[in-house]
Amino acid sequence: MITASIVLYNNDLKVLREAIDSFLYSDSATHLYLVDNSPSDDLKILGNEQNITYLHYPDNLGFGAAHNIAIKKSLLTDSTYHLILNPDVYFEPFEMDKMIAFMEQDPQIGQLMPKVTFPNGDLQYLCKRNPTMFDLFARRFMPGFLKSKFKQKMDLYEYRDHDYNNIIYNVPYLSGCFMLLRNEILKKSEILFDEKIFMYIEDADLTRRILQVSKTVYYPFAHIYHHYGKGSYNNFKLMKYNIDSALYYFKKWK
């Protein structure tokens, strides 16, 4: 009923193991694709496990392009849903079944994201409005003493004017850490990740296009944990990917 893909890059095996088991232990899970962008294939051993396909691309295709490989494979199966799953996410297996049950009630839902918290239980505000240049600049570069002056605007960007304990429909931007997608919508509208975005903001672009042809939904009655490393805050190369992706996104959407 549901396939999933995780894009790898020199991952911590213990953290990755949590993500893999969370999905495969779900009753609705059928197959997991591990698309490895790492220079070496040290994680190839995972491909020997049942219901896992390991694919290695040492040239590093990028986040969206790597997931597209798995999505295309999923669309050739009889799977109803495909899950974009980060390697630093974990959850109780029955949480997946809650999400599937909810989506089964409404075939117009093309994408779902559950409640996301840090491992300590603190909420992550991952519903967002379509980003502006100010939103992305402020979150990444604005010093703390200035952020307080723009708190209301930044809160609006993160949908904090909505109650995260209630279902929220038609959110323009849902996080790429966990994107439960309906294959029929992807196939009918020929929607994949934009491969011109190497990394970052590809989730904003994908959600925006899915919302043009279906519903998106935040569903808080299912819950996942996300370590959320914020790699671009500490790595210049990742920060450059982030900036390049943002410039492309704003040009694309004018």
Protein backbone atom coordinates (compact mmCIF):
# COMPACT_ATOMS: atom_id res chain seq x y z
CA MET A 1 0.00 0.00 0.00
CA ILE A 2 2.87 2.40 0.73
CA THR A 3 6.47 2.70 -0.43
CA ALA A 4 9.06 5.07 1.00
CA SER A 5 12.43 6.54 0.15
CA ILE A 6 15.29 7.83 2.26
CA VAL A 7 18.17 9.76 0.70
CA LEU A 8 21.47 8.99 2.38
CA TYR A 9 24.75 10.85 2.73
CA ASN A 10 27.31 9.49 5.21
CA ASN A 11 24.60 8.87 7.79
CA ASP A 12 24.88 7.81 11.40
CA LEU A 13 23.82 4.16 11.21
CA LYS A 14 22.07 4.16 14.60
CA VAL A 15 19.88 7.15 13.71
CA LEU A 16 19.23 5.77 10.23
CA ARG A 17 18.25 2.40 11.71
CA GLU A 18 15.50 4.11 13.71
CA ALA A 19 14.05 5.66 10.56
CA ILE A 20 14.18 2.40 8.61
CA ASP A 21 12.57 0.33 11.35
CA SER A 22 9.87 2.94 12.00
CA PHE A 23 8.67 2.59 8.43
CA LEU A 24 9.16 -1.13 7.81
CA TYR A 25 7.43 -2.15 11.03
CA SER A 26 4.27 -0.33 9.93
CA ASP A 27 1.49 -2.66 8.80
CA SER A 28 0.93 -0.67 5.60
CA ALA A 29 4.59 -0.59 4.52
CA THR A 30 5.51 -2.52 1.37
CA HIS A 31 8.96 -1.41 0.18
CA LEU A 32 11.73 1.03 1.12
CA TYR A 33 14.20 2.59 -1.33
CA LEU A 34 17.53 3.79 0.06
CA VAL A 35 19.12 6.19 -2.41
CA ASP A 36 22.69 6.77 -1.31
CA ASN A 37 24.49 9.92 -2.48
CA SER A 38 27.56 9.14 -0.34
CA PRO A 39 30.99 8.84 -2.00
CA SER A 40 31.32 5.25 -0.73
CA ASP A 41 28.79 2.43 -0.55
CA ASP A 42 29.44 1.56 3.10
CA LEU A 43 25.68 1.41 3.71
CA LYS A 44 25.14 -1.13 0.93
CA ILE A 45 24.72 -3.87 3.53
CA LEU A 46 21.26 -2.48 4.28
CA GLY A 47 20.16 -3.50 0.79
CA ASN A 48 20.44 -7.16 1.76
CA GLU A 49 17.42 -6.82 4.03
CA GLN A 50 13.93 -7.85 3.00
CA ASN A 51 11.78 -5.13 1.40
CA ILE A 52 14.74 -2.75 0.93
CA THR A 53 16.31 -1.69 -2.36
CA TYR A 54 19.69 0.05 -2.08
CA LEU A 55 20.78 2.38 -4.91
CA HIS A 56 24.16 4.10 -4.93
CA TYR A 57 24.92 7.37 -6.76
CA PRO A 58 28.37 8.57 -5.61
CA ASP A 59 28.22 11.67 -7.82
CA ASN A 60 25.55 13.03 -5.42
CA LEU A 61 22.41 13.75 -7.41
CA GLY A 62 20.91 16.05 -4.80
CA PHE A 63 17.94 15.54 -2.49
CA GLY A 64 15.06 15.91 -4.95
CA ALA A 65 16.66 14.08 -7.87
CA ALA A 66 17.53 11.13 -5.63
CA HIS A 67 13.98 10.91 -4.28
CA ASN A 68 12.62 11.15 -7.83
CA ILE A 69 14.32 7.86 -8.68
CA ALA A 70 12.36 6.14 -5.92
CA ILE A 71 9.11 7.96 -6.70
CA LYS A 72 9.26 6.84 -10.32
CA LYS A 73 9.76 3.24 -9.19
CA SER A 74 6.85 3.55 -6.77
CA LEU A 75 4.56 4.86 -9.53
CA LEU A 76 5.23 1.67 -11.51
CA THR A 77 3.90 -0.46 -8.65
CA ASP A 78 0.38 -0.78 -7.23
CA SER A 79 1.36 1.31 -4.20
CA THR A 80 -1.24 3.93 -3.26
CA TYR A 81 1.14 6.21 -1.37
CA HIS A 82 4.81 7.13 -1.32
CA LEU A 83 6.60 8.55 1.73
CA ILE A 84 9.51 10.99 1.55
CA LEU A 85 11.33 10.23 4.80
CA ASN A 86 14.36 11.92 6.34
CA PRO A 87 17.04 9.65 7.83
CA ASP A 88 16.80 11.54 11.14
CA VAL A 89 13.08 10.85 11.71
CA TYR A 90 11.55 8.07 13.79
CA PHE A 91 8.07 7.16 15.02
CA GLU A 92 5.94 4.36 16.40
CA PRO A 93 4.87 2.09 13.51
CA PHE A 94 1.15 2.50 14.25
CA GLU A 95 1.43 6.26 13.58
CA MET A 96 1.76 5.52 9.87
CA ASP A 97 -1.47 3.55 9.91
CA LYS A 98 -3.28 6.53 11.46
CA MET A 99 -2.16 8.75 8.59
CA ILE A 100 -3.15 6.24 5.92
CA ALA A 101 -6.58 5.79 7.51
CA PHE A 102 -7.15 9.54 7.44
CA MET A 103 -6.06 9.93 3.80
CA GLU A 104 -8.28 7.03 2.79
CA GLN A 105 -11.29 9.08 3.88
CA ASP A 106 -10.60 11.81 1.31
CA PRO A 107 -9.07 10.97 -2.10
CA GLN A 108 -8.49 14.68 -2.75
CA ILE A 109 -5.70 14.81 -0.16
CA GLY A 110 -2.45 14.73 -2.11
CA GLN A 111 -0.01 15.33 0.73
CA LEU A 112 0.02 14.92 4.51
CA MET A 113 2.41 15.87 7.28
CA PRO A 114 1.85 14.76 10.90
CA LYS A 115 2.75 16.55 14.13
CA VAL A 116 6.55 16.80 14.32
CA THR A 117 8.47 17.23 17.57
CA PHE A 118 12.05 17.13 18.71
CA PRO A 119 13.00 13.96 20.61
CA ASN A 120 12.35 15.84 23.87
CA GLY A 121 8.75 16.47 22.80
CA ASP A 122 9.05 20.17 21.88
CA LEU A 123 6.93 21.06 18.87
CA GLN A 124 8.53 21.90 15.53
CA TYR A 125 6.55 24.56 13.64
CA LEU A 126 6.85 23.04 10.18
CA CYS A 127 3.66 24.32 8.56
CA LYS A 128 4.60 27.44 6.62
CA ARG A 129 3.27 30.00 4.22
CA ASN A 130 4.98 30.40 0.87
CA PRO A 131 8.39 31.88 1.70
CA THR A 132 9.47 35.41 0.93
CA MET A 133 13.06 36.60 0.72
CA PHE A 134 12.60 38.29 4.09
CA ASP A 135 11.35 35.08 5.73
CA LEU A 136 14.35 33.05 4.65
CA PHE A 137 16.90 35.81 5.33
CA ALA A 138 15.51 36.57 8.78
CA ARG A 139 15.47 32.94 9.89
CA ARG A 140 19.01 32.30 8.68
CA PHE A 141 20.93 35.54 9.20
CA MET A 142 19.03 37.99 11.43
CA PRO A 143 20.60 38.36 14.91
CA GLY A 144 18.46 37.38 17.86
CA PHE A 145 17.93 40.90 19.21
CA LEU A 146 16.37 41.93 15.87
CA LYS A 147 14.23 38.82 15.48
CA SER A 148 12.13 39.90 18.44
CA LYS A 149 11.14 43.05 16.53
CA PHE A 150 9.80 40.96 13.65
CA LYS A 151 8.34 38.18 15.78
CA GLN A 152 4.77 38.65 14.55
CA LYS A 153 5.80 38.39 10.90
CA MET A 154 8.02 35.38 11.53
CA ASP A 155 5.26 33.69 13.54
CA LEU A 156 2.87 34.15 10.62
CA TYR A 157 5.36 32.47 8.30
CA GLU A 158 5.41 29.43 10.59
CA TYR A 159 1.60 29.29 10.81
CA ARG A 160 1.66 30.13 14.51
CA ASP A 161 -1.64 31.95 14.07
CA HIS A 162 -3.14 28.44 13.70
CA ASP A 163 -3.64 25.83 16.39
CA TYR A 164 -1.13 23.02 15.84
CA ASN A 165 -3.39 20.71 17.86
CA ASN A 166 -6.04 20.84 15.13
CA ILE A 167 -6.09 19.62 11.53
CA ILE A 168 -5.02 22.36 9.11
CA TYR A 169 -5.99 22.03 5.45
CA ASN A 170 -4.26 23.44 2.39
CA VAL A 171 -0.98 24.47 3.98
CA PRO A 172 1.18 25.99 1.19
CA TYR A 173 4.49 24.61 2.50
CA LEU A 174 4.96 21.38 4.43
CA SER A 175 8.35 20.14 5.59
CA GLY A 176 10.33 17.71 3.48
CA CYS A 177 11.34 15.70 6.55
CA PHE A 178 8.12 13.68 6.17
CA MET A 179 5.94 14.00 3.06
CA LEU A 180 3.22 11.38 2.66
CA LEU A 181 2.15 11.65 -0.98
CA ARG A 182 -0.74 10.11 -2.91
CA ASN A 183 0.65 8.38 -6.00
CA GLU A 184 -2.49 8.94 -8.07
CA ILE A 185 -2.07 12.72 -7.73
CA LEU A 186 1.64 12.56 -8.59
CA LYS A 187 0.99 10.40 -11.64
CA LYS A 188 -2.06 12.29 -12.93
CA SER A 189 -0.38 15.71 -12.67
CA GLU A 190 3.15 14.47 -13.48
CA ILE A 191 4.55 15.97 -10.29
CA LEU A 192 8.10 15.22 -9.14
CA PHE A 193 10.74 17.21 -7.30
CA ASP A 194 12.26 19.99 -9.39
CA GLU A 195 15.76 18.66 -10.04
CA LYS A 196 17.14 22.14 -10.66
CA ILE A 197 16.96 22.55 -6.89
CA PHE A 198 19.91 20.57 -5.57
CA MET A 199 19.03 20.84 -1.89
CA TYR A 200 16.77 22.95 0.37
CA ILE A 201 13.39 24.56 -0.46
CA GLU A 202 12.54 21.69 -2.79
CA ASP A 203 9.83 20.83 -0.28
CA ALA A 204 8.32 24.33 -0.58
CA ASP A 205 8.25 23.99 -4.36
CA LEU A 206 6.75 20.49 -4.32
CA THR A 207 4.03 21.30 -1.78
CA ARG A 208 3.10 24.41 -3.73
CA ARG A 209 2.58 22.41 -6.92
CA ILE A 210 0.66 19.63 -5.18
CA LEU A 211 -1.65 22.25 -3.64
CA GLN A 212 -2.48 23.49 -7.13
CA VAL A 213 -4.14 20.15 -7.97
CA SER A 214 -5.20 18.67 -4.61
CA LYS A 215 -5.45 19.27 -0.88
CA THR A 216 -2.54 19.35 1.53
CA VAL A 217 -3.06 18.69 5.21
CA TYR A 218 -1.34 18.91 8.57
CA TYR A 219 -2.64 16.02 10.68
CA PRO A 220 -1.71 16.36 14.38
CA PHE A 221 -3.33 13.11 15.51
CA ALA A 222 -0.30 11.23 14.23
CA HIS A 223 3.12 12.06 15.64
CA ILE A 224 6.76 11.66 14.58
CA TYR A 225 10.11 12.67 16.08
CA HIS A 226 12.71 14.63 14.10
CA HIS A 227 16.29 15.27 15.25
CA TYR A 228 16.53 18.33 12.92
CA GLY A 229 20.23 19.09 12.61
CA LYS A 230 20.03 22.48 10.76
CA GLY A 231 23.14 21.58 8.80
CA SER A 232 23.17 24.76 6.69
CA TYR A 233 23.60 26.85 9.85
CA ASN A 234 27.03 25.33 10.50
CA ASN A 235 28.36 24.41 7.06
CA PHE A 236 29.29 26.98 4.41
CA LYS A 237 28.78 24.55 1.51
CA LEU A 238 25.28 23.67 2.70
CA MET A 239 24.53 27.35 3.26
CA LYS A 240 25.49 28.03 -0.37
CA TYR A 241 23.12 25.27 -1.53
CA ASN A 242 20.41 26.91 0.54
CA ILE A 243 20.99 30.36 -0.98
CA ASP A 244 21.24 29.04 -4.55
CA SER A 245 18.01 27.10 -4.10
CA ALA A 246 16.22 30.15 -2.71
CA LEU A 247 17.31 32.33 -5.63
CA TYR A 248 16.08 29.71 -8.11
CA TYR A 249 12.79 29.30 -6.23
CA PHE A 250 12.01 33.04 -6.21
CA LYS A 251 12.87 33.34 -9.90
CA LYS A 252 10.65 30.37 -10.73
CA TRP A 253 7.66 31.62 -8.77
CA LYS A 254 8.32 35.32 -9.51
